[in-house]
Amino acid sequence: MADGIKVSTTSDIPEGEGVTVPKEVTGTVDDIAILHDTDGTFWALNDTCTHADASLAEGWVEDGCVECPIHSSKFNLKTGAVSGFPATEDTVCHRLEVRGDEIWLFPNETPPA
């Protein structure tokens, strides 16, 4: 997706929180969570926790991780890697660009390292 999808503005997502972009908008197999870390950065991960059917956008975002609101599994925002049990399966990251105050999502594109 060369141009991406404008999904939000930076002021719409408070630090430490997230929003869900429906899969009907993104064309992906799962909804996508747009997450605003406490350092001011924004990240995109598949929204459903890999351990239980919970929305990561409803979890707690802090210090480079999102914590699932149900069983406290943690996922690295940059890589999608599990960093706290009970989840054992990583989640999928998607590329984001912040252009001024607009957040653009590139579904199924891996973020740069």
N, C-alpha and C. Protein backbone atom coordinates (compact mmCIF):
# COMPACT_ATOMS: atom_id res chain seq x y z
N MET A 1 0.85 -1.17 0.00
CA MET A 1 0.00 0.00 0.00
C MET A 1 0.90 1.23 0.00
N ALA A 2 1.16 1.78 -1.13
CA ALA A 2 2.13 2.85 -1.30
C ALA A 2 1.79 4.12 -0.53
N ASP A 3 0.52 4.51 -0.52
CA ASP A 3 0.15 5.77 0.11
C ASP A 3 -0.28 5.63 1.56
N GLY A 4 -0.59 4.44 2.01
CA GLY A 4 -1.04 4.24 3.38
C GLY A 4 -2.47 4.70 3.58
N ILE A 5 -2.94 4.56 4.82
CA ILE A 5 -4.29 4.96 5.21
C ILE A 5 -4.17 5.93 6.37
N LYS A 6 -4.76 7.11 6.24
CA LYS A 6 -4.79 8.04 7.37
C LYS A 6 -5.77 7.48 8.39
N VAL A 7 -5.27 7.18 9.60
CA VAL A 7 -6.09 6.51 10.60
C VAL A 7 -6.44 7.37 11.81
N SER A 8 -5.68 8.43 12.05
CA SER A 8 -5.93 9.22 13.25
C SER A 8 -5.05 10.46 13.21
N THR A 9 -5.19 11.27 14.25
CA THR A 9 -4.25 12.36 14.47
C THR A 9 -3.56 12.11 15.80
N THR A 10 -2.42 12.70 15.99
CA THR A 10 -1.65 12.47 17.21
C THR A 10 -2.41 12.94 18.45
N SER A 11 -3.21 13.97 18.32
CA SER A 11 -3.96 14.47 19.48
C SER A 11 -5.15 13.60 19.84
N ASP A 12 -5.54 12.68 18.95
CA ASP A 12 -6.68 11.79 19.23
C ASP A 12 -6.31 10.62 20.14
N ILE A 13 -5.02 10.36 20.32
CA ILE A 13 -4.60 9.20 21.11
C ILE A 13 -3.71 9.68 22.26
N PRO A 14 -4.24 9.73 23.47
CA PRO A 14 -3.43 10.17 24.61
C PRO A 14 -2.24 9.25 24.86
N GLU A 15 -1.16 9.79 25.42
CA GLU A 15 0.00 8.97 25.77
C GLU A 15 -0.44 7.84 26.69
N GLY A 16 0.10 6.65 26.43
CA GLY A 16 -0.21 5.50 27.26
C GLY A 16 -1.49 4.78 26.85
N GLU A 17 -2.11 5.19 25.74
CA GLU A 17 -3.36 4.59 25.31
C GLU A 17 -3.29 4.18 23.84
N GLY A 18 -4.38 3.60 23.35
CA GLY A 18 -4.44 3.16 21.97
C GLY A 18 -5.84 3.26 21.41
N VAL A 19 -5.93 3.10 20.09
CA VAL A 19 -7.22 3.05 19.40
C VAL A 19 -7.18 1.87 18.44
N THR A 20 -8.36 1.38 18.09
CA THR A 20 -8.48 0.26 17.17
C THR A 20 -8.91 0.73 15.80
N VAL A 21 -8.25 0.24 14.76
CA VAL A 21 -8.65 0.48 13.38
C VAL A 21 -9.22 -0.85 12.87
N PRO A 22 -10.50 -0.88 12.50
CA PRO A 22 -11.14 -2.14 12.10
C PRO A 22 -10.50 -2.77 10.86
N LYS A 23 -10.51 -4.10 10.85
CA LYS A 23 -9.94 -4.85 9.72
C LYS A 23 -10.68 -4.56 8.42
N GLU A 24 -11.92 -4.11 8.51
CA GLU A 24 -12.66 -3.73 7.30
C GLU A 24 -12.05 -2.49 6.64
N VAL A 25 -11.37 -1.67 7.43
CA VAL A 25 -10.69 -0.48 6.91
C VAL A 25 -9.29 -0.84 6.41
N THR A 26 -8.61 -1.72 7.15
CA THR A 26 -7.20 -2.03 6.84
C THR A 26 -7.03 -3.14 5.82
N GLY A 27 -8.04 -4.00 5.68
CA GLY A 27 -7.92 -5.14 4.78
C GLY A 27 -7.06 -6.25 5.34
N THR A 28 -6.82 -6.25 6.64
CA THR A 28 -6.00 -7.26 7.30
C THR A 28 -6.88 -8.32 7.95
N VAL A 29 -6.26 -9.40 8.43
CA VAL A 29 -7.01 -10.48 9.07
C VAL A 29 -7.45 -10.12 10.48
N ASP A 30 -6.81 -9.14 11.09
CA ASP A 30 -7.15 -8.70 12.45
C ASP A 30 -7.28 -7.19 12.44
N ASP A 31 -8.03 -6.66 13.39
CA ASP A 31 -8.02 -5.22 13.61
C ASP A 31 -6.59 -4.82 13.96
N ILE A 32 -6.27 -3.54 13.82
CA ILE A 32 -4.93 -3.06 14.16
C ILE A 32 -5.03 -2.02 15.26
N ALA A 33 -4.20 -2.18 16.29
CA ALA A 33 -4.13 -1.22 17.40
C ALA A 33 -3.06 -0.19 17.08
N ILE A 34 -3.44 1.09 17.17
CA ILE A 34 -2.48 2.19 17.08
C ILE A 34 -2.21 2.61 18.51
N LEU A 35 -0.95 2.53 18.93
CA LEU A 35 -0.59 2.71 20.34
C LEU A 35 0.38 3.87 20.51
N HIS A 36 0.13 4.70 21.53
CA HIS A 36 0.94 5.89 21.80
C HIS A 36 1.77 5.63 23.06
N ASP A 37 3.05 5.39 22.88
CA ASP A 37 3.94 5.09 24.00
C ASP A 37 4.19 6.34 24.85
N THR A 38 4.65 6.12 26.07
CA THR A 38 4.90 7.22 27.00
C THR A 38 6.10 8.08 26.60
N ASP A 39 6.88 7.63 25.61
CA ASP A 39 7.98 8.47 25.12
C ASP A 39 7.55 9.33 23.92
N GLY A 40 6.24 9.26 23.59
CA GLY A 40 5.70 10.07 22.51
C GLY A 40 5.64 9.39 21.15
N THR A 41 6.20 8.19 21.03
CA THR A 41 6.19 7.48 19.76
C THR A 41 4.86 6.75 19.55
N PHE A 42 4.57 6.43 18.28
CA PHE A 42 3.36 5.70 17.92
C PHE A 42 3.75 4.40 17.24
N TRP A 43 2.95 3.34 17.49
CA TRP A 43 3.24 2.01 16.98
C TRP A 43 1.94 1.36 16.53
N ALA A 44 2.05 0.35 15.68
CA ALA A 44 0.88 -0.39 15.21
C ALA A 44 1.15 -1.89 15.34
N LEU A 45 0.23 -2.58 16.03
CA LEU A 45 0.29 -4.02 16.21
C LEU A 45 -1.07 -4.62 15.91
N ASN A 46 -1.10 -5.90 15.55
CA ASN A 46 -2.40 -6.57 15.49
C ASN A 46 -3.08 -6.36 16.84
N ASP A 47 -4.39 -6.13 16.80
CA ASP A 47 -5.09 -5.72 18.01
C ASP A 47 -5.39 -6.86 18.97
N THR A 48 -5.55 -8.08 18.49
CA THR A 48 -5.96 -9.17 19.36
C THR A 48 -4.75 -9.82 20.03
N CYS A 49 -4.80 -9.91 21.35
CA CYS A 49 -3.74 -10.58 22.11
C CYS A 49 -3.62 -12.02 21.61
N THR A 50 -2.40 -12.51 21.49
CA THR A 50 -2.18 -13.87 20.99
C THR A 50 -2.49 -14.94 22.04
N HIS A 51 -2.74 -14.53 23.28
CA HIS A 51 -3.07 -15.48 24.34
C HIS A 51 -4.58 -15.61 24.54
N ALA A 52 -5.27 -14.50 24.50
CA ALA A 52 -6.72 -14.51 24.75
C ALA A 52 -7.36 -13.48 23.84
N ASP A 53 -8.65 -13.57 23.71
CA ASP A 53 -9.39 -12.67 22.81
C ASP A 53 -9.61 -11.33 23.50
N ALA A 54 -8.55 -10.52 23.52
CA ALA A 54 -8.62 -9.21 24.16
C ALA A 54 -7.98 -8.18 23.24
N SER A 55 -8.47 -6.95 23.30
CA SER A 55 -7.96 -5.86 22.48
C SER A 55 -6.74 -5.22 23.13
N LEU A 56 -5.61 -5.25 22.41
CA LEU A 56 -4.40 -4.58 22.93
C LEU A 56 -4.58 -3.08 22.99
N ALA A 57 -5.45 -2.52 22.14
CA ALA A 57 -5.71 -1.07 22.19
C ALA A 57 -6.34 -0.67 23.52
N GLU A 58 -6.94 -1.62 24.22
CA GLU A 58 -7.55 -1.35 25.53
C GLU A 58 -6.58 -1.62 26.67
N GLY A 59 -5.34 -2.01 26.33
CA GLY A 59 -4.34 -2.31 27.34
C GLY A 59 -3.58 -1.07 27.79
N TRP A 60 -2.50 -1.32 28.54
CA TRP A 60 -1.67 -0.24 29.07
C TRP A 60 -0.40 -0.14 28.25
N VAL A 61 -0.08 1.06 27.82
CA VAL A 61 1.09 1.30 26.97
C VAL A 61 2.11 2.09 27.79
N GLU A 62 3.31 1.53 27.90
CA GLU A 62 4.33 2.19 28.71
C GLU A 62 5.70 1.58 28.43
N ASP A 63 6.70 2.44 28.32
CA ASP A 63 8.09 2.02 28.24
C ASP A 63 8.35 0.96 27.16
N GLY A 64 7.78 1.17 25.97
CA GLY A 64 8.07 0.30 24.84
C GLY A 64 7.26 -0.98 24.79
N CYS A 65 6.25 -1.12 25.66
CA CYS A 65 5.43 -2.33 25.69
C CYS A 65 3.95 -1.98 25.81
N VAL A 66 3.12 -2.93 25.38
CA VAL A 66 1.68 -2.86 25.65
C VAL A 66 1.34 -4.09 26.48
N GLU A 67 0.54 -3.88 27.52
CA GLU A 67 0.12 -4.96 28.40
C GLU A 67 -1.34 -5.28 28.14
N CYS A 68 -1.63 -6.54 27.87
CA CYS A 68 -3.00 -6.98 27.62
C CYS A 68 -3.87 -6.70 28.84
N PRO A 69 -5.10 -6.20 28.63
CA PRO A 69 -5.95 -5.85 29.76
C PRO A 69 -6.55 -7.05 30.50
N ILE A 70 -6.42 -8.26 29.94
CA ILE A 70 -7.04 -9.42 30.59
C ILE A 70 -6.05 -10.20 31.46
N HIS A 71 -4.97 -10.72 30.88
CA HIS A 71 -4.06 -11.57 31.64
C HIS A 71 -2.66 -10.99 31.77
N SER A 72 -2.48 -9.73 31.39
CA SER A 72 -1.21 -9.00 31.59
C SER A 72 -0.05 -9.47 30.72
N SER A 73 -0.33 -10.18 29.62
CA SER A 73 0.74 -10.48 28.68
C SER A 73 1.29 -9.17 28.14
N LYS A 74 2.59 -9.12 27.90
CA LYS A 74 3.21 -7.90 27.37
C LYS A 74 3.83 -8.18 26.02
N PHE A 75 3.74 -7.14 25.15
CA PHE A 75 4.30 -7.23 23.81
C PHE A 75 5.16 -6.00 23.54
N ASN A 76 6.32 -6.23 22.93
CA ASN A 76 7.21 -5.15 22.55
C ASN A 76 6.57 -4.36 21.41
N LEU A 77 6.48 -3.04 21.54
CA LEU A 77 5.82 -2.21 20.54
C LEU A 77 6.58 -2.18 19.22
N LYS A 78 7.90 -2.25 19.27
CA LYS A 78 8.71 -2.12 18.07
C LYS A 78 8.78 -3.42 17.26
N THR A 79 8.76 -4.58 17.96
CA THR A 79 8.96 -5.85 17.28
C THR A 79 7.76 -6.78 17.34
N GLY A 80 6.84 -6.55 18.27
CA GLY A 80 5.70 -7.45 18.47
C GLY A 80 6.05 -8.67 19.30
N ALA A 81 7.31 -8.78 19.75
CA ALA A 81 7.74 -9.93 20.53
C ALA A 81 7.08 -9.95 21.91
N VAL A 82 6.74 -11.16 22.36
CA VAL A 82 6.20 -11.33 23.71
C VAL A 82 7.31 -10.98 24.70
N SER A 83 6.97 -10.14 25.67
CA SER A 83 7.94 -9.81 26.72
C SER A 83 7.34 -10.05 28.10
N GLY A 84 6.22 -10.75 28.16
CA GLY A 84 5.59 -11.09 29.43
C GLY A 84 4.51 -12.13 29.23
N PHE A 85 4.55 -13.18 30.02
CA PHE A 85 3.58 -14.27 29.92
C PHE A 85 2.23 -13.86 30.50
N PRO A 86 1.15 -14.58 30.17
CA PRO A 86 1.08 -15.96 29.71
C PRO A 86 1.16 -16.13 28.19
N ALA A 87 1.13 -15.07 27.40
CA ALA A 87 1.25 -15.24 25.94
C ALA A 87 2.62 -15.83 25.61
N THR A 88 2.66 -16.67 24.58
CA THR A 88 3.93 -17.26 24.13
C THR A 88 4.16 -17.00 22.64
N GLU A 89 3.17 -16.45 21.96
CA GLU A 89 3.27 -16.19 20.52
C GLU A 89 3.37 -14.68 20.28
N ASP A 90 4.35 -14.28 19.47
CA ASP A 90 4.52 -12.86 19.11
C ASP A 90 3.31 -12.38 18.32
N THR A 91 3.15 -11.07 18.24
CA THR A 91 2.11 -10.48 17.41
C THR A 91 2.76 -9.80 16.21
N VAL A 92 1.93 -9.28 15.31
CA VAL A 92 2.41 -8.69 14.05
C VAL A 92 2.48 -7.17 14.18
N CYS A 93 3.60 -6.60 13.73
CA CYS A 93 3.77 -5.14 13.68
C CYS A 93 3.44 -4.64 12.28
N HIS A 94 3.00 -3.40 12.20
CA HIS A 94 2.70 -2.75 10.93
C HIS A 94 3.40 -1.40 10.91
N ARG A 95 3.80 -0.96 9.73
CA ARG A 95 4.49 0.32 9.59
C ARG A 95 3.53 1.49 9.77
N LEU A 96 4.00 2.49 10.49
CA LEU A 96 3.28 3.76 10.68
C LEU A 96 4.17 4.90 10.26
N GLU A 97 3.56 5.99 9.82
CA GLU A 97 4.27 7.25 9.62
C GLU A 97 3.47 8.35 10.29
N VAL A 98 4.16 9.22 10.99
CA VAL A 98 3.53 10.42 11.53
C VAL A 98 3.94 11.56 10.61
N ARG A 99 2.94 12.17 9.99
CA ARG A 99 3.17 13.30 9.06
C ARG A 99 2.50 14.52 9.67
N GLY A 100 3.31 15.38 10.28
CA GLY A 100 2.74 16.51 11.01
C GLY A 100 1.96 15.95 12.19
N ASP A 101 0.64 16.18 12.21
CA ASP A 101 -0.17 15.61 13.28
C ASP A 101 -1.03 14.44 12.80
N GLU A 102 -0.78 13.97 11.59
CA GLU A 102 -1.56 12.85 11.03
C GLU A 102 -0.79 11.54 11.19
N ILE A 103 -1.53 10.47 11.50
CA ILE A 103 -0.95 9.14 11.62
C ILE A 103 -1.41 8.31 10.42
N TRP A 104 -0.43 7.79 9.68
CA TRP A 104 -0.69 7.00 8.48
C TRP A 104 -0.24 5.57 8.73
N LEU A 105 -1.10 4.61 8.40
CA LEU A 105 -0.86 3.21 8.58
C LEU A 105 -0.60 2.53 7.24
N PHE A 106 0.38 1.64 7.23
CA PHE A 106 0.71 0.83 6.06
C PHE A 106 0.52 -0.64 6.46
N PRO A 107 -0.72 -1.15 6.34
CA PRO A 107 -1.01 -2.51 6.79
C PRO A 107 -0.14 -3.55 6.11
N ASN A 108 0.29 -4.51 6.89
CA ASN A 108 1.11 -5.65 6.43
C ASN A 108 2.50 -5.26 5.95
N GLU A 109 2.91 -4.01 6.14
CA GLU A 109 4.29 -3.63 5.84
C GLU A 109 5.08 -3.63 7.15
N THR A 110 6.22 -4.29 7.13
CA THR A 110 7.07 -4.37 8.32
C THR A 110 7.70 -3.00 8.58
N PRO A 111 7.68 -2.55 9.84
CA PRO A 111 8.35 -1.27 10.15
C PRO A 111 9.85 -1.37 9.94
N PRO A 112 10.49 -0.26 9.64
CA PRO A 112 11.96 -0.30 9.51
C PRO A 112 12.61 -0.66 10.83
N ALA A 113 13.73 -1.33 10.76
CA ALA A 113 14.43 -1.77 11.98
C ALA A 113 15.02 -0.62 12.75
